[in-house]
Amino acid sequence: MSLWLTMLAAGLVTYLIRLSFILIIGQRPVPLLLRRALRLVPPAVLTAIIFPELFMPNGTLDISFGNARLLGGLVAVLVAWYTRNTVLTIIVGMVVVWVLQGLIH
């Protein structure tokens, strides 16, 4: 029971923190500098999540041709740059990783 109460309390605190920003800042104009900085948050978070998986698939740095995730990520970057299509980028990247994992392992 205490696990459920802890999870409920954590969820409530998270919700209240997010709600406070909406209530405090929601009705005021956001300064240009803050708007520019906030635009950079999603790419920074995505990079922080993805790069360790690409460069350190087994917990150690691996920048070799044997790293299927890194090679798949590089192909995905090229597809994203060329097509600007998110779904196609994900599909091609995953297929390349699966094929390379089958060939390498």
Protein backbone atom coordinates (compact mmCIF):
# COMPACT_ATOMS: atom_id res chain seq x y z
CA MET A 1 0.00 0.00 0.00
CA SER A 2 2.83 2.41 0.75
CA LEU A 3 4.24 1.89 -2.77
CA TRP A 4 0.92 2.98 -4.28
CA LEU A 5 0.72 6.01 -1.99
CA THR A 6 4.28 6.98 -2.92
CA MET A 7 3.50 6.69 -6.62
CA LEU A 8 0.30 8.68 -6.20
CA ALA A 9 2.11 11.39 -4.22
CA ALA A 10 4.92 11.59 -6.81
CA GLY A 11 2.36 11.90 -9.60
CA LEU A 12 0.47 14.61 -7.74
CA VAL A 13 3.64 16.59 -7.03
CA THR A 14 4.69 16.33 -10.70
CA TYR A 15 1.25 17.48 -11.82
CA LEU A 16 1.25 20.43 -9.41
CA ILE A 17 4.71 21.54 -10.50
CA ARG A 18 3.65 21.55 -14.15
CA LEU A 19 0.35 23.23 -13.33
CA SER A 20 2.14 25.97 -11.38
CA PHE A 21 4.11 27.00 -14.47
CA ILE A 22 0.93 27.12 -16.53
CA LEU A 23 -0.89 29.20 -13.92
CA ILE A 24 2.02 31.56 -13.20
CA ILE A 25 3.44 32.04 -16.69
CA GLY A 26 0.45 31.03 -18.83
CA GLN A 27 -1.18 34.47 -18.88
CA ARG A 28 2.02 36.49 -19.27
CA PRO A 29 4.04 37.04 -22.42
CA VAL A 30 7.19 34.93 -22.45
CA PRO A 31 10.40 36.94 -23.02
CA LEU A 32 12.11 36.34 -26.36
CA LEU A 33 15.30 35.01 -24.74
CA LEU A 34 13.35 32.41 -22.74
CA ARG A 35 11.32 31.40 -25.82
CA ARG A 36 14.53 30.89 -27.79
CA ALA A 37 16.05 28.83 -24.98
CA LEU A 38 12.93 26.67 -24.58
CA ARG A 39 12.98 25.81 -28.29
CA LEU A 40 16.31 24.06 -27.69
CA VAL A 41 15.06 21.83 -24.85
CA PRO A 42 13.44 19.04 -26.94
CA PRO A 43 16.51 18.46 -29.18
CA ALA A 44 18.79 18.53 -26.12
CA VAL A 45 16.68 15.98 -24.24
CA LEU A 46 16.36 13.75 -27.30
CA THR A 47 20.12 13.91 -27.83
CA ALA A 48 20.77 13.04 -24.19
CA ILE A 49 18.54 9.98 -24.51
CA ILE A 50 19.70 8.72 -27.93
CA PHE A 51 23.48 9.34 -27.99
CA PRO A 52 24.38 6.99 -25.13
CA GLU A 53 22.39 4.22 -26.85
CA LEU A 54 24.20 4.82 -30.14
CA PHE A 55 27.73 5.24 -28.84
CA MET A 56 27.62 2.97 -25.78
CA PRO A 57 25.32 0.03 -26.60
CA ASN A 58 26.97 -2.31 -24.07
CA GLY A 59 27.96 0.27 -21.49
CA THR A 60 31.34 0.97 -23.12
CA LEU A 61 32.25 3.37 -25.91
CA ASP A 62 31.98 1.62 -29.29
CA ILE A 63 32.59 3.66 -32.45
CA SER A 64 33.49 0.69 -34.66
CA PHE A 65 31.81 -0.75 -37.73
CA GLY A 66 30.61 -3.55 -35.45
CA ASN A 67 28.23 -1.17 -33.67
CA ALA A 68 24.93 -1.78 -35.49
CA ARG A 69 23.12 0.92 -33.50
CA LEU A 70 25.63 3.58 -34.47
CA LEU A 71 25.53 2.62 -38.14
CA GLY A 72 21.71 2.52 -38.06
CA GLY A 73 21.69 5.93 -36.40
CA LEU A 74 23.97 7.36 -39.08
CA VAL A 75 21.71 5.99 -41.82
CA ALA A 76 18.69 7.43 -39.98
CA VAL A 77 20.36 10.85 -39.83
CA LEU A 78 20.91 10.75 -43.60
CA VAL A 79 17.30 9.69 -44.23
CA ALA A 80 16.02 12.44 -41.92
CA TRP A 81 18.18 15.05 -43.60
CA TYR A 82 17.21 13.97 -47.10
CA THR A 83 13.48 13.27 -46.64
CA ARG A 84 12.46 15.27 -43.54
CA ASN A 85 10.04 12.39 -42.85
CA THR A 86 10.03 11.24 -39.22
CA VAL A 87 8.19 7.96 -39.74
CA LEU A 88 10.39 6.93 -42.67
CA THR A 89 13.49 7.85 -40.67
CA ILE A 90 12.44 5.62 -37.76
CA ILE A 91 11.50 2.72 -40.02
CA VAL A 92 14.70 2.84 -42.09
CA GLY A 93 16.87 3.26 -38.99
CA MET A 94 15.27 0.29 -37.24
CA VAL A 95 15.47 -1.94 -40.33
CA VAL A 96 19.15 -1.10 -40.77
CA VAL A 97 19.84 -1.89 -37.09
CA TRP A 98 17.97 -5.22 -37.28
CA VAL A 99 19.70 -6.26 -40.50
CA LEU A 100 23.14 -5.28 -39.21
CA GLN A 101 22.54 -7.03 -35.89
CA GLY A 102 21.64 -10.16 -37.82
CA LEU A 103 24.77 -9.90 -39.93
CA ILE A 104 27.18 -8.91 -37.13
CA HIS A 105 26.01 -11.30 -34.46
